[in-house]
Amino acid sequence: MKRWTRATVGLTMGAVLLFGACGSDDDSSSEPEILPAGEGVGDASPADLLATYVTALAEVPAAENIFVDAAFCDMGRSTDDVYLAPAWTTDGETTTSCTMNADQTLMLLPVGAFCFEAGGDTTDTACLDGYYTVTGSSVTIDGVETSDLGAYEVDTEVATATLPDGNVLEVPAADTDFIARGQVILVDGLAAGEHVVTAAGEYSDGFAGSLTINLTVED
């Protein structure tokens, strides 16, 4: 599993995209926005958040992991500040339903790749280059699509995760180093209510898919 979307994951630098009002009638003035490329949440950079996400993929058993079913949503690994939305997992279109808090920033990962030492990979950028062959990606929020997301690509530092029994790598439980690359899209300002969010991507070998989340945002 070299891409979290494989088996189972244009804005210029500094720009902010406003989607326009959406969400509940009670807060129609709220305008969700994609944060500028490179901007994180609190003390966490986009690369830090990607590492948190991939650590969750490694440490949550397969029976409760989005690699098996996107309905597991954030796998219980979201923080008070960031909601870790699931990524698409198979070719074609998938739909699920999830719930987040209005105080959280939504994190979307339309494309990504990872290399785990326990999976027989090297934990370096050369390994990532072999798997991260992205040809296109997009996010759509309440009917407004944004593509040209290359500026949002980040690499993590080499980090360590603890694989449990029954992990998605299908290897013995152990500590393992990993490195990851992905487009980290952070969305602020989603009003309380119902939203439809889609993250989609395509790779050079024709592997392509999308995940549509019927997202409930609670006060």
C-alpha atoms as a PDB file:
ATOM      1  CA  MET A   1       0.000   0.000   0.000  1.00  0.00           C
ATOM      2  CA  LYS A   2       2.070   2.834  -1.284  1.00  0.00           C
ATOM      3  CA  ARG A   3      -0.702   5.355  -1.818  1.00  0.00           C
ATOM      4  CA  TRP A   4      -3.315   5.616   0.887  1.00  0.00           C
ATOM      5  CA  THR A   5      -5.840   5.820  -1.924  1.00  0.00           C
ATOM      6  CA  ARG A   6      -4.438   2.744  -3.659  1.00  0.00           C
ATOM      7  CA  ALA A   7      -5.621  -0.157  -1.585  1.00  0.00           C
ATOM      8  CA  THR A   8      -7.506   0.089   0.499  1.00  0.00           C
ATOM      9  CA  VAL A   9      -5.180   8.619  -0.442  1.00  0.00           C
ATOM     10  CA  GLY A  10      -5.231  26.746  -9.218  1.00  0.00           C
ATOM     11  CA  LEU A  11      -4.162  28.530  -6.237  1.00  0.00           C
ATOM     12  CA  THR A  12      -0.892  30.380  -6.225  1.00  0.00           C
ATOM     13  CA  MET A  13       1.205  30.483  -3.068  1.00  0.00           C
ATOM     14  CA  GLY A  14      -0.354  32.841  -0.551  1.00  0.00           C
ATOM     15  CA  ALA A  15      -3.775  33.037  -2.177  1.00  0.00           C
ATOM     16  CA  VAL A  16      -7.029  32.456  -0.304  1.00  0.00           C
ATOM     17  CA  LEU A  17     -10.066  31.018  -2.058  1.00  0.00           C
ATOM     18  CA  LEU A  18     -13.506  32.114  -0.874  1.00  0.00           C
ATOM     19  CA  PHE A  19     -16.270  29.689  -1.736  1.00  0.00           C
ATOM     20  CA  GLY A  20     -19.200  31.984  -1.061  1.00  0.00           C
ATOM     21  CA  ALA A  21     -21.924  31.522   1.506  1.00  0.00           C
ATOM     22  CA  CYS A  22     -23.153  28.013   2.210  1.00  0.00           C
ATOM     23  CA  GLY A  23     -24.382  25.939   5.116  1.00  0.00           C
ATOM     24  CA  SER A  24     -27.351  26.569   7.362  1.00  0.00           C
ATOM     25  CA  ASP A  25     -29.843  29.420   6.958  1.00  0.00           C
ATOM     26  CA  ASP A  26     -28.895  30.572  10.447  1.00  0.00           C
ATOM     27  CA  ASP A  27     -25.413  31.583   9.346  1.00  0.00           C
ATOM     28  CA  SER A  28     -25.651  32.379   5.647  1.00  0.00           C
ATOM     29  CA  SER A  29     -22.949  35.048   5.904  1.00  0.00           C
ATOM     30  CA  SER A  30     -20.272  32.480   6.695  1.00  0.00           C
ATOM     31  CA  GLU A  31     -17.860  31.896   3.805  1.00  0.00           C
ATOM     32  CA  PRO A  32     -15.631  28.808   3.908  1.00  0.00           C
ATOM     33  CA  GLU A  33     -12.113  29.339   2.609  1.00  0.00           C
ATOM     34  CA  ILE A  34      -9.126  27.245   1.670  1.00  0.00           C
ATOM     35  CA  LEU A  35      -6.182  28.437   3.720  1.00  0.00           C
ATOM     36  CA  PRO A  36      -3.130  29.669   1.788  1.00  0.00           C
ATOM     37  CA  ALA A  37      -0.622  27.022   0.727  1.00  0.00           C
ATOM     38  CA  GLY A  38       1.893  26.479   3.499  1.00  0.00           C
ATOM     39  CA  GLU A  39      -0.349  27.815   6.276  1.00  0.00           C
ATOM     40  CA  GLY A  40      -1.081  25.411   9.101  1.00  0.00           C
ATOM     41  CA  VAL A  41      -3.376  25.385  12.103  1.00  0.00           C
ATOM     42  CA  GLY A  42      -1.993  26.624  15.402  1.00  0.00           C
ATOM     43  CA  ASP A  43       1.505  25.237  15.848  1.00  0.00           C
ATOM     44  CA  ALA A  44       0.918  22.409  13.348  1.00  0.00           C
ATOM     45  CA  SER A  45       2.226  22.886   9.801  1.00  0.00           C
ATOM     46  CA  PRO A  46       0.604  21.097   6.834  1.00  0.00           C
ATOM     47  CA  ALA A  47       3.481  18.588   6.947  1.00  0.00           C
ATOM     48  CA  ASP A  48       2.853  17.996  10.664  1.00  0.00           C
ATOM     49  CA  LEU A  49      -0.824  17.374   9.967  1.00  0.00           C
ATOM     50  CA  LEU A  50       0.015  14.963   7.150  1.00  0.00           C
ATOM     51  CA  ALA A  51       2.283  13.050   9.533  1.00  0.00           C
ATOM     52  CA  THR A  52      -0.559  12.899  12.078  1.00  0.00           C
ATOM     53  CA  TYR A  53      -2.876  11.544   9.421  1.00  0.00           C
ATOM     54  CA  VAL A  54      -0.505   8.853   8.157  1.00  0.00           C
ATOM     55  CA  THR A  55       0.332   7.857  11.730  1.00  0.00           C
ATOM     56  CA  ALA A  56      -3.386   7.240  12.244  1.00  0.00           C
ATOM     57  CA  LEU A  57      -3.546   5.110   9.099  1.00  0.00           C
ATOM     58  CA  ALA A  58      -0.702   2.994  10.471  1.00  0.00           C
ATOM     59  CA  GLU A  59      -1.814   2.759  14.093  1.00  0.00           C
ATOM     60  CA  VAL A  60      -5.549   2.141  13.705  1.00  0.00           C
ATOM     61  CA  PRO A  61      -6.319  -1.561  13.143  1.00  0.00           C
ATOM     62  CA  ALA A  62      -7.605  -2.456   9.687  1.00  0.00           C
ATOM     63  CA  ALA A  63     -10.994  -3.421  11.114  1.00  0.00           C
ATOM     64  CA  GLU A  64     -11.564   0.235  12.091  1.00  0.00           C
ATOM     65  CA  ASN A  65      -9.566   1.938   9.350  1.00  0.00           C
ATOM     66  CA  ILE A  66     -10.639   4.062   6.376  1.00  0.00           C
ATOM     67  CA  PHE A  67      -8.634   1.688   4.171  1.00  0.00           C
ATOM     68  CA  VAL A  68     -11.475  -0.725   4.802  1.00  0.00           C
ATOM     69  CA  ASP A  69     -14.411   1.674   4.951  1.00  0.00           C
ATOM     70  CA  ALA A  70     -14.506   5.474   4.654  1.00  0.00           C
ATOM     71  CA  ALA A  71     -17.436   5.443   7.076  1.00  0.00           C
ATOM     72  CA  PHE A  72     -14.851   5.269   9.867  1.00  0.00           C
ATOM     73  CA  CYS A  73     -14.360   8.969   9.019  1.00  0.00           C
ATOM     74  CA  ASP A  74     -11.558  10.412  11.190  1.00  0.00           C
ATOM     75  CA  MET A  75     -10.854   7.081  12.940  1.00  0.00           C
ATOM     76  CA  GLY A  76     -11.073   8.978  16.232  1.00  0.00           C
ATOM     77  CA  ARG A  77      -7.776  10.782  15.542  1.00  0.00           C
ATOM     78  CA  SER A  78      -9.032  14.335  14.940  1.00  0.00           C
ATOM     79  CA  THR A  79      -7.914  17.105  17.275  1.00  0.00           C
ATOM     80  CA  ASP A  80      -9.863  19.962  18.836  1.00  0.00           C
ATOM     81  CA  ASP A  81      -8.545  22.184  16.035  1.00  0.00           C
ATOM     82  CA  VAL A  82      -8.478  19.931  12.946  1.00  0.00           C
ATOM     83  CA  TYR A  83     -10.927  17.376  11.542  1.00  0.00           C
ATOM     84  CA  LEU A  84      -9.046  14.665   9.633  1.00  0.00           C
ATOM     85  CA  ALA A  85     -11.477  13.763   6.860  1.00  0.00           C
ATOM     86  CA  PRO A  86     -11.157  10.335   5.225  1.00  0.00           C
ATOM     87  CA  ALA A  87      -9.542   9.987   1.786  1.00  0.00           C
ATOM     88  CA  TRP A  88     -10.843   7.992  -1.162  1.00  0.00           C
ATOM     89  CA  THR A  89      -9.783   4.350  -1.088  1.00  0.00           C
ATOM     90  CA  THR A  90     -10.672   2.654  -4.389  1.00  0.00           C
ATOM     91  CA  ASP A  91     -11.044   3.343  -8.092  1.00  0.00           C
ATOM     92  CA  GLY A  92     -14.251   5.165  -8.901  1.00  0.00           C
ATOM     93  CA  GLU A  93     -16.635   7.218  -6.819  1.00  0.00           C
ATOM     94  CA  THR A  94     -17.331   6.553  -3.132  1.00  0.00           C
ATOM     95  CA  THR A  95     -19.718   8.302  -0.752  1.00  0.00           C
ATOM     96  CA  THR A  96     -19.859   8.429   3.041  1.00  0.00           C
ATOM     97  CA  SER A  97     -21.279  10.570   5.846  1.00  0.00           C
ATOM     98  CA  CYS A  98     -19.253  12.193   8.638  1.00  0.00           C
ATOM     99  CA  THR A  99     -19.663  14.819  11.354  1.00  0.00           C
ATOM    100  CA  MET A 100     -17.283  17.548  12.526  1.00  0.00           C
ATOM    101  CA  ASN A 101     -17.424  20.562  14.835  1.00  0.00           C
ATOM    102  CA  ALA A 102     -17.761  24.122  13.544  1.00  0.00           C
ATOM    103  CA  ASP A 103     -14.679  25.083  15.582  1.00  0.00           C
ATOM    104  CA  GLN A 104     -12.495  22.639  13.649  1.00  0.00           C
ATOM    105  CA  THR A 105     -10.589  23.220  10.421  1.00  0.00           C
ATOM    106  CA  LEU A 106     -11.438  20.600   7.786  1.00  0.00           C
ATOM    107  CA  MET A 107      -8.407  18.745   6.407  1.00  0.00           C
ATOM    108  CA  LEU A 108      -8.751  17.099   2.969  1.00  0.00           C
ATOM    109  CA  LEU A 109      -6.191  14.905   1.207  1.00  0.00           C
ATOM    110  CA  PRO A 110      -7.160  14.453  -2.457  1.00  0.00           C
ATOM    111  CA  VAL A 111      -3.886  12.647  -3.290  1.00  0.00           C
ATOM    112  CA  GLY A 112      -0.917  11.251  -1.408  1.00  0.00           C
ATOM    113  CA  ALA A 113       1.714   8.562  -1.050  1.00  0.00           C
ATOM    114  CA  PHE A 114       3.681   6.975   1.759  1.00  0.00           C
ATOM    115  CA  CYS A 115       6.678   4.721   2.280  1.00  0.00           C
ATOM    116  CA  PHE A 116       6.883   2.470   5.351  1.00  0.00           C
ATOM    117  CA  GLU A 117      10.081   0.741   6.359  1.00  0.00           C
ATOM    118  CA  ALA A 118       8.054  -2.224   7.643  1.00  0.00           C
ATOM    119  CA  GLY A 119       6.520  -2.544   4.199  1.00  0.00           C
ATOM    120  CA  GLY A 120       9.911  -2.976   2.587  1.00  0.00           C
ATOM    121  CA  ASP A 121      10.315   0.644   1.481  1.00  0.00           C
ATOM    122  CA  THR A 122      13.112   3.111   1.959  1.00  0.00           C
ATOM    123  CA  THR A 123      12.057   6.206   3.891  1.00  0.00           C
ATOM    124  CA  ASP A 124      13.338   8.838   1.496  1.00  0.00           C
ATOM    125  CA  THR A 125      12.043  11.157  -1.212  1.00  0.00           C
ATOM    126  CA  ALA A 126      13.217   8.775  -3.933  1.00  0.00           C
ATOM    127  CA  CYS A 127      10.719   6.221  -2.630  1.00  0.00           C
ATOM    128  CA  LEU A 128       7.937   8.814  -2.656  1.00  0.00           C
ATOM    129  CA  ASP A 129       8.829   9.883  -6.192  1.00  0.00           C
ATOM    130  CA  GLY A 130       8.144   6.348  -7.356  1.00  0.00           C
ATOM    131  CA  TYR A 131       4.592   6.339  -6.018  1.00  0.00           C
ATOM    132  CA  TYR A 132       3.488   9.969  -6.140  1.00  0.00           C
ATOM    133  CA  THR A 133       2.754  10.208  -9.862  1.00  0.00           C
ATOM    134  CA  VAL A 134      -0.171  12.610  -9.605  1.00  0.00           C
ATOM    135  CA  THR A 135      -1.687  13.948 -12.820  1.00  0.00           C
ATOM    136  CA  GLY A 136      -4.676  15.774 -11.346  1.00  0.00           C
ATOM    137  CA  SER A 137      -6.608  16.542  -8.173  1.00  0.00           C
ATOM    138  CA  SER A 138      -9.481  18.664  -6.947  1.00  0.00           C
ATOM    139  CA  VAL A 139     -11.713  19.468  -4.012  1.00  0.00           C
ATOM    140  CA  THR A 140     -15.339  20.507  -4.344  1.00  0.00           C
ATOM    141  CA  ILE A 141     -17.316  22.108  -1.526  1.00  0.00           C
ATOM    142  CA  ASP A 142     -21.032  22.645  -1.973  1.00  0.00           C
ATOM    143  CA  GLY A 143     -20.694  22.586  -5.748  1.00  0.00           C
ATOM    144  CA  VAL A 144     -17.634  24.865  -6.028  1.00  0.00           C
ATOM    145  CA  GLU A 145     -14.615  23.021  -7.429  1.00  0.00           C
ATOM    146  CA  THR A 146     -10.977  23.977  -6.920  1.00  0.00           C
ATOM    147  CA  SER A 147      -8.189  22.305  -8.888  1.00  0.00           C
ATOM    148  CA  ASP A 148      -4.550  23.170  -9.649  1.00  0.00           C
ATOM    149  CA  LEU A 149      -3.572  22.160  -6.114  1.00  0.00           C
ATOM    150  CA  GLY A 150       0.121  21.506  -6.668  1.00  0.00           C
ATOM    151  CA  ALA A 151       1.127  24.381  -4.373  1.00  0.00           C
ATOM    152  CA  TYR A 152      -0.384  22.420  -1.460  1.00  0.00           C
ATOM    153  CA  GLU A 153       1.993  19.448  -1.836  1.00  0.00           C
ATOM    154  CA  VAL A 154       4.154  18.767   1.234  1.00  0.00           C
ATOM    155  CA  ASP A 155       6.559  16.069   2.415  1.00  0.00           C
ATOM    156  CA  THR A 156       6.774  14.921   6.009  1.00  0.00           C
ATOM    157  CA  GLU A 157       9.989  14.352   7.886  1.00  0.00           C
ATOM    158  CA  VAL A 158      10.790  10.727   8.616  1.00  0.00           C
ATOM    159  CA  ALA A 159       8.536   9.783  11.541  1.00  0.00           C
ATOM    160  CA  THR A 160       7.743   6.660  13.559  1.00  0.00           C
ATOM    161  CA  ALA A 161       4.424   4.878  13.967  1.00  0.00           C
ATOM    162  CA  THR A 162       3.500   1.852  16.076  1.00  0.00           C
ATOM    163  CA  LEU A 163       1.792  -0.794  13.975  1.00  0.00           C
ATOM    164  CA  PRO A 164      -0.776  -2.857  15.901  1.00  0.00           C
ATOM    165  CA  ASP A 165      -1.798  -6.425  15.287  1.00  0.00           C
ATOM    166  CA  GLY A 166      -4.104  -6.510  12.278  1.00  0.00           C
ATOM    167  CA  ASN A 167      -2.651  -3.352  10.729  1.00  0.00           C
ATOM    168  CA  VAL A 168      -3.400  -2.207   7.182  1.00  0.00           C
ATOM    169  CA  LEU A 169       0.130  -3.018   6.032  1.00  0.00           C
ATOM    170  CA  GLU A 170      -0.527  -6.663   6.908  1.00  0.00           C
ATOM    171  CA  VAL A 171       2.837  -7.014   8.633  1.00  0.00           C
ATOM    172  CA  PRO A 172       3.704  -8.007  12.241  1.00  0.00           C
ATOM    173  CA  ALA A 173       3.095  -5.426  14.956  1.00  0.00           C
ATOM    174  CA  ALA A 174       6.153  -3.229  15.427  1.00  0.00           C
ATOM    175  CA  ASP A 175       7.458   0.307  15.461  1.00  0.00           C
ATOM    176  CA  THR A 176       8.272   1.481  11.946  1.00  0.00           C
ATOM    177  CA  ASP A 177       9.617   4.604  10.281  1.00  0.00           C
ATOM    178  CA  PHE A 178       7.694   6.251   7.441  1.00  0.00           C
ATOM    179  CA  ILE A 179       7.718   9.250   5.140  1.00  0.00           C
ATOM    180  CA  ALA A 180       4.747  10.710   3.270  1.00  0.00           C
ATOM    181  CA  ARG A 181       3.797  13.217   0.591  1.00  0.00           C
ATOM    182  CA  GLY A 182       0.390  14.679  -0.109  1.00  0.00           C
ATOM    183  CA  GLN A 183      -1.684  17.707  -0.933  1.00  0.00           C
ATOM    184  CA  VAL A 184      -2.929  19.065   2.391  1.00  0.00           C
ATOM    185  CA  ILE A 185      -6.052  21.185   1.861  1.00  0.00           C
ATOM    186  CA  LEU A 186      -7.278  23.024   4.964  1.00  0.00           C
ATOM    187  CA  VAL A 187     -10.735  24.593   4.957  1.00  0.00           C
ATOM    188  CA  ASP A 188     -11.965  27.103   7.529  1.00  0.00           C
ATOM    189  CA  GLY A 189     -15.351  28.684   8.077  1.00  0.00           C
ATOM    190  CA  LEU A 190     -17.769  25.870   7.300  1.00  0.00           C
ATOM    191  CA  ALA A 191     -21.071  27.007   8.807  1.00  0.00           C
ATOM    192  CA  ALA A 192     -23.119  24.721  11.010  1.00  0.00           C
ATOM    193  CA  GLY A 193     -25.379  22.594   8.862  1.00  0.00           C
ATOM    194  CA  GLU A 194     -25.094  20.166   5.975  1.00  0.00           C
ATOM    195  CA  HIS A 195     -22.344  20.322   3.338  1.00  0.00           C
ATOM    196  CA  VAL A 196     -21.240  18.145   0.434  1.00  0.00           C
ATOM    197  CA  VAL A 197     -17.458  17.806   0.142  1.00  0.00           C
ATOM    198  CA  THR A 198     -15.612  15.842  -2.555  1.00  0.00           C
ATOM    199  CA  ALA A 199     -11.874  15.145  -2.814  1.00  0.00           C
ATOM    200  CA  ALA A 200     -10.641  13.548  -6.041  1.00  0.00           C
ATOM    201  CA  GLY A 201      -7.369  12.577  -7.654  1.00  0.00           C
ATOM    202  CA  GLU A 202      -5.721  10.747 -10.531  1.00  0.00           C
ATOM    203  CA  TYR A 203      -2.327   9.100 -11.043  1.00  0.00           C
ATOM    204  CA  SER A 204      -0.295   8.535 -14.199  1.00  0.00           C
ATOM    205  CA  ASP A 205      -1.131   4.816 -14.307  1.00  0.00           C
ATOM    206  CA  GLY A 206      -4.835   5.616 -14.613  1.00  0.00           C
ATOM    207  CA  PHE A 207      -5.675   4.919 -10.967  1.00  0.00           C
ATOM    208  CA  ALA A 208      -8.317   7.519 -10.134  1.00  0.00           C
ATOM    209  CA  GLY A 209     -11.129   8.028  -7.676  1.00  0.00           C
ATOM    210  CA  SER A 210     -13.060  10.357  -5.457  1.00  0.00           C
ATOM    211  CA  LEU A 211     -14.722  10.430  -2.078  1.00  0.00           C
ATOM    212  CA  THR A 212     -17.844  12.506  -1.500  1.00  0.00           C
ATOM    213  CA  ILE A 213     -18.557  13.262   2.165  1.00  0.00           C
ATOM    214  CA  ASN A 214     -22.039  14.278   3.242  1.00  0.00           C
ATOM    215  CA  LEU A 215     -20.624  16.394   6.051  1.00  0.00           C
ATOM    216  CA  THR A 216     -22.617  17.555   9.049  1.00  0.00           C
ATOM    217  CA  VAL A 217     -21.049  20.521  10.840  1.00  0.00           C
ATOM    218  CA  GLU A 218     -22.231  20.907  14.421  1.00  0.00           C
ATOM    219  CA  ASP A 219     -22.077  23.988  16.661  1.00  0.00           C
END
